[in-house]
Amino acid sequence: MRFSKNRIMFFVAMLFIQNFILCLNAQNDSCVNVISSKSCFSQDSISLHDIFLHKVESPTSFPKINDFGYVQSERQMADLEFFRKRVSSDYPRWIAPVGFITYGILSQENHLMKELDKSTNYEVTEHFSHPMTYDNYLQFLPAASVYGLNFLDIKGQNDLKDVTLIMLTSHLIMAGTVNILKNTTNVLRPDGSSSNSFPSGHTATSFVGAHILFREYISFSPYIAFSGYLVSSATGILRVLNKRHWVSDVFMGAGIGILSVEISYFLLPLINNILYPNVNGVKKQLAIVPNLDRNQYGLGLSYVF
């Protein structure tokens, strides 16, 4: 008992580290926005490309790219282009979800990770006796925020149609992955109610909305973009405090949620080509409607040609 507070603080610290990793990955997007934004170069929106092609005269206040000087030579331009390709790469975005999923998988076999799950559950039993059901509603808040911002005419990276496609695809991938794992791993919940604890569906659902919120609004406002992660972390913490999930379930759910969104953004051009092809001026449409229930799965198709 004398280590109870330390163990709970350790669990909370792990979730904050999770958000810190996500913040580091966000540097990828924010750097691209700073470099590619025309407004950061001059008030007349003169592009750096036009300046170096001598189409326009260089502005009096030439932009400083780094602490070592100004971009003035072809070598420096090549270095800048190399940097832009590095920070615009999609690979860093996969680090956080792969890391969380790896932790969740290893925790099913690693003795120390299992002990962390059990000791955290023991301390929760000792100090939190009243269940808090806010997690049942918080899981949908990040996704609802995306549509709320669009309703307020605060647009993100994609239009409402593409955001909806991403949202549906992400939830479909996430729900399929979570349900398959729940039905195959048969991990007993901390409260002993059922054997479908791994991974946390509430956490996965929440992180789907949170990561879409991040991807859509990181260039508009970091405060909006990261707010979803705070809500999702709170959802995961409540799932543990309510003895519905182990710590490893939460990390696995977070990884699945984020990874599902990344896959959906990667597939978006392909999905648009399938759903909205335009051949010879005739617009063809394909509608896919998934039907997920506790006891059955279905898929409805509608094709207009």
C-alpha atoms as a PDB file:
ATOM      1  CA  MET A   1       0.000   0.000   0.000  1.00  0.00           C
ATOM      2  CA  ARG A   2       2.809   2.429   0.617  1.00  0.00           C
ATOM      3  CA  PHE A   3       3.580   2.388  -3.135  1.00  0.00           C
ATOM      4  CA  SER A   4      -0.024   2.964  -4.199  1.00  0.00           C
ATOM      5  CA  LYS A   5       0.298   6.635  -5.082  1.00  0.00           C
ATOM      6  CA  ASN A   6       3.562   6.026  -6.906  1.00  0.00           C
ATOM      7  CA  ARG A   7       2.022   3.318  -9.051  1.00  0.00           C
ATOM      8  CA  ILE A   8      -0.979   5.413  -9.970  1.00  0.00           C
ATOM      9  CA  MET A   9       1.262   8.361 -10.772  1.00  0.00           C
ATOM     10  CA  PHE A  10       3.394   6.046 -12.911  1.00  0.00           C
ATOM     11  CA  PHE A  11       0.334   5.039 -14.922  1.00  0.00           C
ATOM     12  CA  VAL A  12      -0.697   8.667 -15.404  1.00  0.00           C
ATOM     13  CA  ALA A  13       2.874   9.536 -16.406  1.00  0.00           C
ATOM     14  CA  MET A  14       2.801   6.790 -19.039  1.00  0.00           C
ATOM     15  CA  LEU A  15      -0.272   8.372 -20.611  1.00  0.00           C
ATOM     16  CA  PHE A  16       1.370  11.784 -20.604  1.00  0.00           C
ATOM     17  CA  ILE A  17       4.420  10.242 -22.286  1.00  0.00           C
ATOM     18  CA  GLN A  18       2.020   8.845 -24.874  1.00  0.00           C
ATOM     19  CA  ASN A  19       0.773  12.363 -25.604  1.00  0.00           C
ATOM     20  CA  PHE A  20       4.347  13.687 -25.640  1.00  0.00           C
ATOM     21  CA  ILE A  21       5.249  11.159 -28.359  1.00  0.00           C
ATOM     22  CA  LEU A  22       2.257  12.340 -30.352  1.00  0.00           C
ATOM     23  CA  CYS A  23       3.425  15.935 -29.907  1.00  0.00           C
ATOM     24  CA  LEU A  24       6.851  15.030 -31.264  1.00  0.00           C
ATOM     25  CA  ASN A  25       5.258  13.442 -34.304  1.00  0.00           C
ATOM     26  CA  ALA A  26       3.264  16.639 -34.787  1.00  0.00           C
ATOM     27  CA  GLN A  27       6.494  18.479 -35.501  1.00  0.00           C
ATOM     28  CA  ASN A  28       6.347  16.747 -38.872  1.00  0.00           C
ATOM     29  CA  ASP A  29       3.148  18.565 -39.850  1.00  0.00           C
ATOM     30  CA  SER A  30       3.873  21.912 -38.269  1.00  0.00           C
ATOM     31  CA  CYS A  31       7.295  22.231 -39.953  1.00  0.00           C
ATOM     32  CA  VAL A  32       5.756  21.620 -43.366  1.00  0.00           C
ATOM     33  CA  ASN A  33       3.134  24.281 -42.754  1.00  0.00           C
ATOM     34  CA  VAL A  34       5.736  26.832 -41.686  1.00  0.00           C
ATOM     35  CA  ILE A  35       7.999  26.201 -44.657  1.00  0.00           C
ATOM     36  CA  SER A  36       5.327  25.926 -47.349  1.00  0.00           C
ATOM     37  CA  SER A  37       3.151  28.811 -46.203  1.00  0.00           C
ATOM     38  CA  LYS A  38       3.557  31.721 -48.587  1.00  0.00           C
ATOM     39  CA  SER A  39       2.483  34.254 -46.004  1.00  0.00           C
ATOM     40  CA  CYS A  40       5.594  33.603 -43.915  1.00  0.00           C
ATOM     41  CA  PHE A  41       7.815  34.857 -46.713  1.00  0.00           C
ATOM     42  CA  SER A  42       6.260  38.213 -47.519  1.00  0.00           C
ATOM     43  CA  GLN A  43       3.126  40.236 -47.091  1.00  0.00           C
ATOM     44  CA  ASP A  44       2.558  40.106 -50.878  1.00  0.00           C
ATOM     45  CA  SER A  45       2.453  36.261 -50.826  1.00  0.00           C
ATOM     46  CA  ILE A  46       5.486  35.946 -53.103  1.00  0.00           C
ATOM     47  CA  SER A  47       6.555  32.344 -53.262  1.00  0.00           C
ATOM     48  CA  LEU A  48      10.157  31.310 -52.651  1.00  0.00           C
ATOM     49  CA  HIS A  49      10.021  29.364 -55.907  1.00  0.00           C
ATOM     50  CA  ASP A  50       9.236  32.525 -57.904  1.00  0.00           C
ATOM     51  CA  ILE A  51      11.999  34.460 -56.172  1.00  0.00           C
ATOM     52  CA  PHE A  52      14.685  31.941 -57.113  1.00  0.00           C
ATOM     53  CA  LEU A  53      13.439  31.736 -60.687  1.00  0.00           C
ATOM     54  CA  HIS A  54      13.896  35.535 -60.829  1.00  0.00           C
ATOM     55  CA  LYS A  55      10.253  36.056 -61.768  1.00  0.00           C
ATOM     56  CA  VAL A  56       9.971  38.714 -59.074  1.00  0.00           C
ATOM     57  CA  GLU A  57      12.439  40.748 -57.113  1.00  0.00           C
ATOM     58  CA  SER A  58      13.422  39.511 -53.708  1.00  0.00           C
ATOM     59  CA  PRO A  59      11.492  41.230 -50.890  1.00  0.00           C
ATOM     60  CA  THR A  60      13.359  43.628 -48.664  1.00  0.00           C
ATOM     61  CA  SER A  61      12.831  41.394 -45.619  1.00  0.00           C
ATOM     62  CA  PHE A  62      14.040  38.092 -47.024  1.00  0.00           C
ATOM     63  CA  PRO A  63      12.942  35.133 -44.921  1.00  0.00           C
ATOM     64  CA  LYS A  64      15.437  33.592 -42.552  1.00  0.00           C
ATOM     65  CA  ILE A  65      15.189  29.813 -42.786  1.00  0.00           C
ATOM     66  CA  ASN A  66      17.511  28.947 -39.932  1.00  0.00           C
ATOM     67  CA  ASP A  67      19.985  30.425 -37.468  1.00  0.00           C
ATOM     68  CA  PHE A  68      22.925  30.110 -39.873  1.00  0.00           C
ATOM     69  CA  GLY A  69      21.856  32.583 -42.563  1.00  0.00           C
ATOM     70  CA  TYR A  70      19.516  33.131 -45.467  1.00  0.00           C
ATOM     71  CA  VAL A  71      18.643  30.895 -48.387  1.00  0.00           C
ATOM     72  CA  GLN A  72      20.725  32.409 -51.181  1.00  0.00           C
ATOM     73  CA  SER A  73      22.477  29.654 -53.118  1.00  0.00           C
ATOM     74  CA  GLU A  74      21.465  26.583 -55.083  1.00  0.00           C
ATOM     75  CA  ARG A  75      23.192  24.433 -52.483  1.00  0.00           C
ATOM     76  CA  GLN A  76      21.093  25.959 -49.731  1.00  0.00           C
ATOM     77  CA  MET A  77      17.975  25.526 -51.851  1.00  0.00           C
ATOM     78  CA  ALA A  78      18.835  21.848 -52.317  1.00  0.00           C
ATOM     79  CA  ASP A  79      19.327  21.472 -48.570  1.00  0.00           C
ATOM     80  CA  LEU A  80      15.973  23.147 -47.966  1.00  0.00           C
ATOM     81  CA  GLU A  81      14.244  20.815 -50.440  1.00  0.00           C
ATOM     82  CA  PHE A  82      15.847  17.805 -48.766  1.00  0.00           C
ATOM     83  CA  PHE A  83      14.624  19.054 -45.380  1.00  0.00           C
ATOM     84  CA  ARG A  84      11.109  19.559 -46.737  1.00  0.00           C
ATOM     85  CA  LYS A  85      11.001  16.012 -48.039  1.00  0.00           C
ATOM     86  CA  ARG A  86      12.185  14.684 -44.695  1.00  0.00           C
ATOM     87  CA  VAL A  87       9.631  16.553 -42.593  1.00  0.00           C
ATOM     88  CA  SER A  88       6.820  15.912 -45.076  1.00  0.00           C
ATOM     89  CA  SER A  89       7.406  12.171 -44.957  1.00  0.00           C
ATOM     90  CA  ASP A  90       4.519  10.078 -43.695  1.00  0.00           C
ATOM     91  CA  TYR A  91       6.786   7.628 -41.882  1.00  0.00           C
ATOM     92  CA  PRO A  92       7.117   9.533 -38.559  1.00  0.00           C
ATOM     93  CA  ARG A  93       3.342   9.422 -38.144  1.00  0.00           C
ATOM     94  CA  TRP A  94       3.497   5.649 -37.868  1.00  0.00           C
ATOM     95  CA  ILE A  95       5.962   5.657 -34.973  1.00  0.00           C
ATOM     96  CA  ALA A  96       3.480   6.368 -32.175  1.00  0.00           C
ATOM     97  CA  PRO A  97       0.777   3.836 -33.151  1.00  0.00           C
ATOM     98  CA  VAL A  98       3.322   1.109 -33.888  1.00  0.00           C
ATOM     99  CA  GLY A  99       4.956   1.793 -30.517  1.00  0.00           C
ATOM    100  CA  PHE A 100       1.655   1.593 -28.625  1.00  0.00           C
ATOM    101  CA  ILE A 101       0.612  -1.580 -30.448  1.00  0.00           C
ATOM    102  CA  THR A 102       4.006  -3.150 -29.777  1.00  0.00           C
ATOM    103  CA  TYR A 103       3.609  -2.398 -26.063  1.00  0.00           C
ATOM    104  CA  GLY A 104       0.142  -3.946 -26.078  1.00  0.00           C
ATOM    105  CA  ILE A 105       1.324  -7.123 -27.800  1.00  0.00           C
ATOM    106  CA  LEU A 106       4.392  -7.559 -25.604  1.00  0.00           C
ATOM    107  CA  SER A 107       2.316  -7.030 -22.468  1.00  0.00           C
ATOM    108  CA  GLN A 108       0.462 -10.258 -23.187  1.00  0.00           C
ATOM    109  CA  GLU A 109       3.656 -12.260 -22.688  1.00  0.00           C
ATOM    110  CA  ASN A 110       6.091 -10.059 -20.741  1.00  0.00           C
ATOM    111  CA  HIS A 111       6.083 -10.754 -16.994  1.00  0.00           C
ATOM    112  CA  LEU A 112       6.916  -7.194 -15.904  1.00  0.00           C
ATOM    113  CA  MET A 113       4.201  -5.698 -18.082  1.00  0.00           C
ATOM    114  CA  LYS A 114       1.673  -8.173 -16.726  1.00  0.00           C
ATOM    115  CA  GLU A 115       2.690  -7.207 -13.203  1.00  0.00           C
ATOM    116  CA  LEU A 116       2.116  -3.540 -14.060  1.00  0.00           C
ATOM    117  CA  ASP A 117      -1.408  -4.409 -15.220  1.00  0.00           C
ATOM    118  CA  LYS A 118      -2.159  -6.367 -12.071  1.00  0.00           C
ATOM    119  CA  SER A 119      -0.596  -3.899  -9.629  1.00  0.00           C
ATOM    120  CA  THR A 120      -2.406  -0.973 -11.228  1.00  0.00           C
ATOM    121  CA  ASN A 121      -5.697  -2.835 -10.990  1.00  0.00           C
ATOM    122  CA  TYR A 122      -4.984  -3.642  -7.343  1.00  0.00           C
ATOM    123  CA  GLU A 123      -4.378   0.009  -6.497  1.00  0.00           C
ATOM    124  CA  VAL A 124      -7.489   1.063  -8.401  1.00  0.00           C
ATOM    125  CA  THR A 125      -9.500  -1.407  -6.310  1.00  0.00           C
ATOM    126  CA  GLU A 126      -7.996   0.041  -3.130  1.00  0.00           C
ATOM    127  CA  HIS A 127      -8.615   3.715  -3.894  1.00  0.00           C
ATOM    128  CA  PHE A 128     -11.422   4.024  -6.462  1.00  0.00           C
ATOM    129  CA  SER A 129     -14.599   2.274  -5.427  1.00  0.00           C
ATOM    130  CA  HIS A 130     -17.180   4.383  -7.282  1.00  0.00           C
ATOM    131  CA  PRO A 131     -17.427   3.858 -11.053  1.00  0.00           C
ATOM    132  CA  MET A 132     -17.428   6.921 -13.310  1.00  0.00           C
ATOM    133  CA  THR A 133     -19.344   6.436 -16.562  1.00  0.00           C
ATOM    134  CA  TYR A 134     -18.087   9.559 -18.342  1.00  0.00           C
ATOM    135  CA  ASP A 135     -15.950   7.397 -20.612  1.00  0.00           C
ATOM    136  CA  ASN A 136     -19.097   6.098 -22.339  1.00  0.00           C
ATOM    137  CA  TYR A 137     -19.671   9.611 -23.683  1.00  0.00           C
ATOM    138  CA  LEU A 138     -16.144  11.023 -23.879  1.00  0.00           C
ATOM    139  CA  GLN A 139     -15.180   8.438 -26.496  1.00  0.00           C
ATOM    140  CA  PHE A 140     -17.354  10.196 -29.097  1.00  0.00           C
ATOM    141  CA  LEU A 141     -16.385  13.776 -28.236  1.00  0.00           C
ATOM    142  CA  PRO A 142     -13.291  14.133 -30.505  1.00  0.00           C
ATOM    143  CA  ALA A 143     -15.177  12.872 -33.574  1.00  0.00           C
ATOM    144  CA  ALA A 144     -18.156  15.088 -32.745  1.00  0.00           C
ATOM    145  CA  SER A 145     -15.764  18.044 -32.460  1.00  0.00           C
ATOM    146  CA  VAL A 146     -14.645  17.549 -36.066  1.00  0.00           C
ATOM    147  CA  TYR A 147     -18.215  17.925 -37.305  1.00  0.00           C
ATOM    148  CA  GLY A 148     -18.950  20.702 -34.822  1.00  0.00           C
ATOM    149  CA  LEU A 149     -16.041  22.757 -36.158  1.00  0.00           C
ATOM    150  CA  ASN A 150     -17.231  22.208 -39.734  1.00  0.00           C
ATOM    151  CA  PHE A 151     -20.724  23.278 -38.681  1.00  0.00           C
ATOM    152  CA  LEU A 152     -19.198  26.493 -37.318  1.00  0.00           C
ATOM    153  CA  ASP A 153     -17.518  26.968 -40.733  1.00  0.00           C
ATOM    154  CA  ILE A 154     -14.058  26.259 -39.295  1.00  0.00           C
ATOM    155  CA  LYS A 155     -12.699  24.109 -42.083  1.00  0.00           C
ATOM    156  CA  GLY A 156      -9.888  21.617 -41.752  1.00  0.00           C
ATOM    157  CA  GLN A 157      -7.519  20.118 -44.273  1.00  0.00           C
ATOM    158  CA  ASN A 158     -10.269  18.247 -46.165  1.00  0.00           C
ATOM    159  CA  ASP A 159     -13.859  19.046 -47.033  1.00  0.00           C
ATOM    160  CA  LEU A 160     -16.756  17.473 -45.166  1.00  0.00           C
ATOM    161  CA  LYS A 161     -17.192  14.698 -47.732  1.00  0.00           C
ATOM    162  CA  ASP A 162     -13.607  13.519 -47.447  1.00  0.00           C
ATOM    163  CA  VAL A 163     -13.646  13.861 -43.662  1.00  0.00           C
ATOM    164  CA  THR A 164     -16.734  11.645 -43.544  1.00  0.00           C
ATOM    165  CA  LEU A 165     -15.053   9.064 -45.779  1.00  0.00           C
ATOM    166  CA  ILE A 166     -12.003   9.087 -43.520  1.00  0.00           C
ATOM    167  CA  MET A 167     -14.195   8.828 -40.432  1.00  0.00           C
ATOM    168  CA  LEU A 168     -16.192   5.876 -41.789  1.00  0.00           C
ATOM    169  CA  THR A 169     -13.143   4.037 -43.106  1.00  0.00           C
ATOM    170  CA  SER A 170     -11.219   4.560 -39.865  1.00  0.00           C
ATOM    171  CA  HIS A 171     -14.061   3.299 -37.693  1.00  0.00           C
ATOM    172  CA  LEU A 172     -14.591   0.319 -39.976  1.00  0.00           C
ATOM    173  CA  ILE A 173     -10.906  -0.677 -39.795  1.00  0.00           C
ATOM    174  CA  MET A 174     -10.768  -0.004 -36.060  1.00  0.00           C
ATOM    175  CA  ALA A 175     -13.990  -1.881 -35.230  1.00  0.00           C
ATOM    176  CA  GLY A 176     -12.989  -4.897 -37.297  1.00  0.00           C
ATOM    177  CA  THR A 177      -9.530  -5.078 -35.722  1.00  0.00           C
ATOM    178  CA  VAL A 178     -10.781  -4.582 -32.165  1.00  0.00           C
ATOM    179  CA  ASN A 179     -13.560  -7.171 -32.437  1.00  0.00           C
ATOM    180  CA  ILE A 180     -11.288  -9.765 -34.007  1.00  0.00           C
ATOM    181  CA  LEU A 181      -8.741  -9.339 -31.207  1.00  0.00           C
ATOM    182  CA  LYS A 182     -11.401  -9.364 -28.496  1.00  0.00           C
ATOM    183  CA  ASN A 183     -12.849 -12.637 -29.764  1.00  0.00           C
ATOM    184  CA  THR A 184      -9.487 -14.354 -30.279  1.00  0.00           C
ATOM    185  CA  THR A 185      -7.416 -13.283 -27.274  1.00  0.00           C
ATOM    186  CA  ASN A 186     -10.171 -13.880 -24.649  1.00  0.00           C
ATOM    187  CA  VAL A 187      -8.494 -11.718 -21.980  1.00  0.00           C
ATOM    188  CA  LEU A 188     -10.508 -11.481 -18.759  1.00  0.00           C
ATOM    189  CA  ARG A 189     -11.565  -7.979 -17.762  1.00  0.00           C
ATOM    190  CA  PRO A 190     -10.235  -6.615 -14.440  1.00  0.00           C
ATOM    191  CA  ASP A 191     -13.741  -6.718 -12.967  1.00  0.00           C
ATOM    192  CA  GLY A 192     -14.209 -10.310 -14.116  1.00  0.00           C
ATOM    193  CA  SER A 193     -17.368  -9.510 -16.082  1.00  0.00           C
ATOM    194  CA  SER A 194     -16.293 -10.979 -19.448  1.00  0.00           C
ATOM    195  CA  SER A 195     -13.328 -12.312 -21.430  1.00  0.00           C
ATOM    196  CA  ASN A 196     -13.062  -9.636 -24.117  1.00  0.00           C
ATOM    197  CA  SER A 197     -10.876  -7.049 -22.439  1.00  0.00           C
ATOM    198  CA  PHE A 198      -8.043  -6.776 -24.987  1.00  0.00           C
ATOM    199  CA  PRO A 199      -7.961  -4.199 -26.527  1.00  0.00           C
ATOM    200  CA  SER A 200     -10.020  -1.240 -25.273  1.00  0.00           C
ATOM    201  CA  GLY A 201     -12.735  -0.407 -27.799  1.00  0.00           C
ATOM    202  CA  HIS A 202     -13.653   2.848 -26.029  1.00  0.00           C
ATOM    203  CA  THR A 203     -10.046   4.049 -26.213  1.00  0.00           C
ATOM    204  CA  ALA A 204      -9.696   3.012 -29.851  1.00  0.00           C
ATOM    205  CA  THR A 205     -12.917   4.826 -30.782  1.00  0.00           C
ATOM    206  CA  SER A 206     -11.820   7.967 -28.973  1.00  0.00           C
ATOM    207  CA  PHE A 207      -8.356   8.009 -30.578  1.00  0.00           C
ATOM    208  CA  VAL A 208      -9.862   7.630 -34.046  1.00  0.00           C
ATOM    209  CA  GLY A 209     -11.713  10.914 -33.562  1.00  0.00           C
ATOM    210  CA  ALA A 210      -8.762  12.528 -31.820  1.00  0.00           C
ATOM    211  CA  HIS A 211      -6.273  11.703 -34.562  1.00  0.00           C
ATOM    212  CA  ILE A 212      -8.623  12.873 -37.316  1.00  0.00           C
ATOM    213  CA  LEU A 213      -9.070  16.109 -35.353  1.00  0.00           C
ATOM    214  CA  PHE A 214      -5.281  16.414 -35.194  1.00  0.00           C
ATOM    215  CA  ARG A 215      -4.697  15.702 -38.870  1.00  0.00           C
ATOM    216  CA  GLU A 216      -7.398  18.125 -39.974  1.00  0.00           C
ATOM    217  CA  TYR A 217      -6.598  21.105 -37.717  1.00  0.00           C
ATOM    218  CA  ILE A 218      -2.880  20.999 -36.889  1.00  0.00           C
ATOM    219  CA  SER A 219      -2.259  23.713 -39.496  1.00  0.00           C
ATOM    220  CA  PHE A 220      -5.141  25.811 -38.148  1.00  0.00           C
ATOM    221  CA  SER A 221      -4.624  25.640 -34.384  1.00  0.00           C
ATOM    222  CA  PRO A 222      -2.410  23.321 -32.311  1.00  0.00           C
ATOM    223  CA  TYR A 223      -4.748  23.868 -29.356  1.00  0.00           C
ATOM    224  CA  ILE A 224      -7.673  22.408 -31.288  1.00  0.00           C
ATOM    225  CA  ALA A 225      -5.531  19.672 -32.805  1.00  0.00           C
ATOM    226  CA  PHE A 226      -4.176  18.356 -29.487  1.00  0.00           C
ATOM    227  CA  SER A 227      -7.386  18.775 -27.466  1.00  0.00           C
ATOM    228  CA  GLY A 228      -8.673  15.461 -28.798  1.00  0.00           C
ATOM    229  CA  TYR A 229      -5.683  13.587 -27.403  1.00  0.00           C
ATOM    230  CA  LEU A 230      -6.396  14.935 -23.917  1.00  0.00           C
ATOM    231  CA  VAL A 231      -9.997  13.728 -24.129  1.00  0.00           C
ATOM    232  CA  SER A 232      -8.884  10.333 -25.441  1.00  0.00           C
ATOM    233  CA  SER A 233      -6.288   9.967 -22.678  1.00  0.00           C
ATOM    234  CA  ALA A 234      -8.977  10.778 -20.122  1.00  0.00           C
ATOM    235  CA  THR A 235     -11.162   8.098 -21.706  1.00  0.00           C
ATOM    236  CA  GLY A 236      -8.370   5.542 -21.361  1.00  0.00           C
ATOM    237  CA  ILE A 237      -7.684   6.502 -17.741  1.00  0.00           C
ATOM    238  CA  LEU A 238     -11.372   6.169 -16.866  1.00  0.00           C
ATOM    239  CA  ARG A 239     -11.513   2.712 -18.466  1.00  0.00           C
ATOM    240  CA  VAL A 240      -8.756   1.614 -16.090  1.00  0.00           C
ATOM    241  CA  LEU A 241     -10.225   3.371 -13.049  1.00  0.00           C
ATOM    242  CA  ASN A 242     -13.593   1.748 -13.742  1.00  0.00           C
ATOM    243  CA  LYS A 243     -11.854  -1.660 -13.820  1.00  0.00           C
ATOM    244  CA  ARG A 244     -13.082  -2.303 -17.345  1.00  0.00           C
ATOM    245  CA  HIS A 245      -9.600  -2.561 -18.870  1.00  0.00           C
ATOM    246  CA  TRP A 246      -5.963  -3.223 -18.091  1.00  0.00           C
ATOM    247  CA  VAL A 247      -3.286  -0.625 -18.855  1.00  0.00           C
ATOM    248  CA  SER A 248      -2.098  -2.689 -21.829  1.00  0.00           C
ATOM    249  CA  ASP A 249      -5.634  -2.700 -23.267  1.00  0.00           C
ATOM    250  CA  VAL A 250      -5.637   1.091 -23.306  1.00  0.00           C
ATOM    251  CA  PHE A 251      -2.296   1.389 -25.079  1.00  0.00           C
ATOM    252  CA  MET A 252      -3.310  -1.206 -27.639  1.00  0.00           C
ATOM    253  CA  GLY A 253      -6.604   0.582 -28.252  1.00  0.00           C
ATOM    254  CA  ALA A 254      -4.836   3.915 -28.724  1.00  0.00           C
ATOM    255  CA  GLY A 255      -2.429   2.397 -31.233  1.00  0.00           C
ATOM    256  CA  ILE A 256      -5.202   0.734 -33.229  1.00  0.00           C
ATOM    257  CA  GLY A 257      -7.229   3.951 -33.317  1.00  0.00           C
ATOM    258  CA  ILE A 258      -4.351   6.101 -34.595  1.00  0.00           C
ATOM    259  CA  LEU A 259      -3.149   3.472 -37.063  1.00  0.00           C
ATOM    260  CA  SER A 260      -6.665   3.078 -38.490  1.00  0.00           C
ATOM    261  CA  VAL A 261      -6.774   6.811 -39.225  1.00  0.00           C
ATOM    262  CA  GLU A 262      -3.362   6.787 -40.899  1.00  0.00           C
ATOM    263  CA  ILE A 263      -4.424   3.895 -43.114  1.00  0.00           C
ATOM    264  CA  SER A 264      -7.635   5.745 -44.005  1.00  0.00           C
ATOM    265  CA  TYR A 265      -5.776   8.894 -45.051  1.00  0.00           C
ATOM    266  CA  PHE A 266      -3.451   6.745 -47.141  1.00  0.00           C
ATOM    267  CA  LEU A 267      -6.443   5.068 -48.834  1.00  0.00           C
ATOM    268  CA  LEU A 268      -8.473   8.262 -49.338  1.00  0.00           C
ATOM    269  CA  PRO A 269      -7.382   8.911 -52.971  1.00  0.00           C
ATOM    270  CA  LEU A 270      -8.169   5.306 -53.891  1.00  0.00           C
ATOM    271  CA  ILE A 271     -11.548   5.453 -52.163  1.00  0.00           C
ATOM    272  CA  ASN A 272     -12.434   8.669 -53.968  1.00  0.00           C
ATOM    273  CA  ASN A 273     -11.487   7.124 -57.321  1.00  0.00           C
ATOM    274  CA  ILE A 274     -13.774   4.176 -56.612  1.00  0.00           C
ATOM    275  CA  LEU A 275     -16.723   6.107 -55.219  1.00  0.00           C
ATOM    276  CA  TYR A 276     -16.597   9.151 -57.477  1.00  0.00           C
ATOM    277  CA  PRO A 277     -15.069   8.261 -60.849  1.00  0.00           C
ATOM    278  CA  ASN A 278     -15.738  10.648 -63.731  1.00  0.00           C
ATOM    279  CA  VAL A 279     -15.533   8.885 -67.090  1.00  0.00           C
ATOM    280  CA  ASN A 280     -16.644  10.694 -70.281  1.00  0.00           C
ATOM    281  CA  GLY A 281     -18.487  13.290 -68.273  1.00  0.00           C
ATOM    282  CA  VAL A 282     -20.686  10.656 -66.575  1.00  0.00           C
ATOM    283  CA  LYS A 283     -20.309  10.505 -62.828  1.00  0.00           C
ATOM    284  CA  LYS A 284     -20.529   7.013 -61.384  1.00  0.00           C
ATOM    285  CA  GLN A 285     -21.134   6.445 -57.710  1.00  0.00           C
ATOM    286  CA  LEU A 286     -20.582   3.476 -55.452  1.00  0.00           C
ATOM    287  CA  ALA A 287     -22.030   3.492 -51.932  1.00  0.00           C
ATOM    288  CA  ILE A 288     -20.785   1.013 -49.326  1.00  0.00           C
ATOM    289  CA  VAL A 289     -22.829   0.747 -46.133  1.00  0.00           C
ATOM    290  CA  PRO A 290     -21.383  -1.497 -43.391  1.00  0.00           C
ATOM    291  CA  ASN A 291     -23.708  -3.169 -40.901  1.00  0.00           C
ATOM    292  CA  LEU A 292     -22.078  -4.135 -37.628  1.00  0.00           C
ATOM    293  CA  ASP A 293     -24.009  -5.831 -34.855  1.00  0.00           C
ATOM    294  CA  ARG A 294     -23.059  -7.814 -31.806  1.00  0.00           C
ATOM    295  CA  ASN A 295     -24.024 -11.114 -33.410  1.00  0.00           C
ATOM    296  CA  GLN A 296     -23.674 -10.438 -37.119  1.00  0.00           C
ATOM    297  CA  TYR A 297     -21.808  -8.440 -39.737  1.00  0.00           C
ATOM    298  CA  GLY A 298     -23.069  -7.205 -43.087  1.00  0.00           C
ATOM    299  CA  LEU A 299     -22.243  -4.974 -46.027  1.00  0.00           C
ATOM    300  CA  GLY A 300     -24.630  -3.136 -48.345  1.00  0.00           C
ATOM    301  CA  LEU A 301     -23.627  -1.980 -51.852  1.00  0.00           C
ATOM    302  CA  SER A 302     -25.261   0.532 -54.170  1.00  0.00           C
ATOM    303  CA  TYR A 303     -23.796   1.384 -57.589  1.00  0.00           C
ATOM    304  CA  VAL A 304     -25.131   4.179 -59.841  1.00  0.00           C
ATOM    305  CA  PHE A 305     -23.922   4.087 -63.462  1.00  0.00           C
END
